[in-house]
Amino acid sequence: MNKIITFIVLGCVLMLTGCNTVHGLGKDLEKAGEAVQKSTN
């Protein structure tokens, strides 16, 4: 029983970490896009 709970908690932690990483990547890409737009104006 303890192993199952451990795997569930570990899976949740990995999923949350992955979401934060993807969210940060999206912000970085958005900033890069804004910089390109400003340079063309």
N, C-alpha and C. Protein backbone atom coordinates (compact mmCIF):
# COMPACT_ATOMS: atom_id res chain seq x y z
N MET A 1 0.82 -1.20 0.00
CA MET A 1 0.00 0.00 0.00
C MET A 1 0.87 1.26 0.00
N ASN A 2 1.95 1.24 0.78
CA ASN A 2 2.82 2.41 0.85
C ASN A 2 3.49 2.69 -0.50
N LYS A 3 3.83 1.63 -1.23
CA LYS A 3 4.46 1.81 -2.54
C LYS A 3 3.51 2.50 -3.52
N ILE A 4 2.26 2.13 -3.48
CA ILE A 4 1.27 2.72 -4.38
C ILE A 4 1.13 4.21 -4.09
N ILE A 5 1.01 4.57 -2.83
CA ILE A 5 0.88 5.97 -2.44
C ILE A 5 2.13 6.75 -2.84
N THR A 6 3.30 6.15 -2.66
CA THR A 6 4.55 6.80 -3.03
C THR A 6 4.59 7.08 -4.53
N PHE A 7 4.19 6.12 -5.35
CA PHE A 7 4.19 6.31 -6.80
C PHE A 7 3.18 7.37 -7.22
N ILE A 8 2.03 7.41 -6.57
CA ILE A 8 1.01 8.41 -6.90
C ILE A 8 1.53 9.81 -6.57
N VAL A 9 2.12 9.98 -5.40
CA VAL A 9 2.66 11.29 -5.00
C VAL A 9 3.79 11.70 -5.93
N LEU A 10 4.68 10.78 -6.25
CA LEU A 10 5.79 11.08 -7.15
C LEU A 10 5.28 11.48 -8.53
N GLY A 11 4.28 10.78 -9.03
CA GLY A 11 3.69 11.13 -10.32
C GLY A 11 3.08 12.52 -10.32
N CYS A 12 2.39 12.86 -9.24
CA CYS A 12 1.78 14.20 -9.14
C CYS A 12 2.84 15.28 -9.12
N VAL A 13 3.92 15.05 -8.39
CA VAL A 13 5.00 16.03 -8.32
C VAL A 13 5.64 16.23 -9.69
N LEU A 14 5.87 15.15 -10.41
CA LEU A 14 6.46 15.25 -11.74
C LEU A 14 5.54 15.98 -12.71
N MET A 15 4.24 15.73 -12.61
CA MET A 15 3.29 16.41 -13.49
C MET A 15 3.27 17.90 -13.21
N LEU A 16 3.27 18.28 -11.94
CA LEU A 16 3.24 19.71 -11.59
C LEU A 16 4.53 20.40 -12.04
N THR A 17 5.65 19.73 -11.89
CA THR A 17 6.93 20.30 -12.33
C THR A 17 6.93 20.49 -13.83
N GLY A 18 6.42 19.52 -14.56
CA GLY A 18 6.35 19.62 -16.01
C GLY A 18 5.47 20.77 -16.46
N CYS A 19 4.36 20.99 -15.79
CA CYS A 19 3.47 22.09 -16.16
C CYS A 19 4.15 23.43 -15.96
N ASN A 20 4.87 23.59 -14.87
CA ASN A 20 5.58 24.84 -14.61
C ASN A 20 6.65 25.07 -15.66
N THR A 21 7.33 24.03 -16.08
CA THR A 21 8.38 24.16 -17.08
C THR A 21 7.79 24.60 -18.42
N VAL A 22 6.71 23.99 -18.83
CA VAL A 22 6.06 24.34 -20.10
C VAL A 22 5.52 25.77 -20.03
N HIS A 23 4.98 26.14 -18.90
CA HIS A 23 4.44 27.49 -18.72
C HIS A 23 5.57 28.52 -18.84
N GLY A 24 6.70 28.25 -18.23
CA GLY A 24 7.85 29.15 -18.32
C GLY A 24 8.37 29.26 -19.74
N LEU A 25 8.39 28.15 -20.46
CA LEU A 25 8.84 28.15 -21.85
C LEU A 25 7.91 29.01 -22.70
N GLY A 26 6.62 28.93 -22.45
CA GLY A 26 5.65 29.76 -23.19
C GLY A 26 5.89 31.24 -22.95
N LYS A 27 6.19 31.61 -21.72
CA LYS A 27 6.48 33.02 -21.41
C LYS A 27 7.73 33.48 -22.15
N ASP A 28 8.76 32.65 -22.17
CA ASP A 28 10.00 33.00 -22.87
C ASP A 28 9.76 33.19 -24.35
N LEU A 29 9.00 32.31 -24.96
CA LEU A 29 8.70 32.43 -26.39
C LEU A 29 7.88 33.69 -26.68
N GLU A 30 6.97 34.01 -25.78
CA GLU A 30 6.16 35.21 -25.96
C GLU A 30 7.04 36.47 -25.91
N LYS A 31 7.97 36.52 -24.98
CA LYS A 31 8.88 37.66 -24.89
C LYS A 31 9.76 37.77 -26.13
N ALA A 32 10.21 36.64 -26.64
CA ALA A 32 11.04 36.65 -27.85
C ALA A 32 10.23 37.17 -29.03
N GLY A 33 8.99 36.77 -29.14
CA GLY A 33 8.11 37.24 -30.21
C GLY A 33 7.87 38.74 -30.13
N GLU A 34 7.69 39.24 -28.91
CA GLU A 34 7.51 40.68 -28.72
C GLU A 34 8.76 41.46 -29.13
N ALA A 35 9.92 40.91 -28.83
CA ALA A 35 11.18 41.57 -29.19
C ALA A 35 11.33 41.64 -30.71
N VAL A 36 10.92 40.58 -31.40
CA VAL A 36 11.00 40.58 -32.86
C VAL A 36 10.03 41.62 -33.43
N GLN A 37 8.84 41.70 -32.87
CA GLN A 37 7.86 42.68 -33.35
C GLN A 37 8.37 44.11 -33.15
N LYS A 38 8.99 44.39 -32.00
CA LYS A 38 9.50 45.73 -31.72
C LYS A 38 10.65 46.07 -32.67
N SER A 39 11.46 45.10 -33.01
CA SER A 39 12.61 45.38 -33.87
C SER A 39 12.18 45.67 -35.31
N THR A 40 11.02 45.14 -35.72
CA THR A 40 10.56 45.40 -37.09
C THR A 40 9.87 46.76 -37.19
N ASN A 41 9.43 47.31 -36.08
CA ASN A 41 8.75 48.62 -36.11
C ASN A 41 9.77 49.66 -36.14
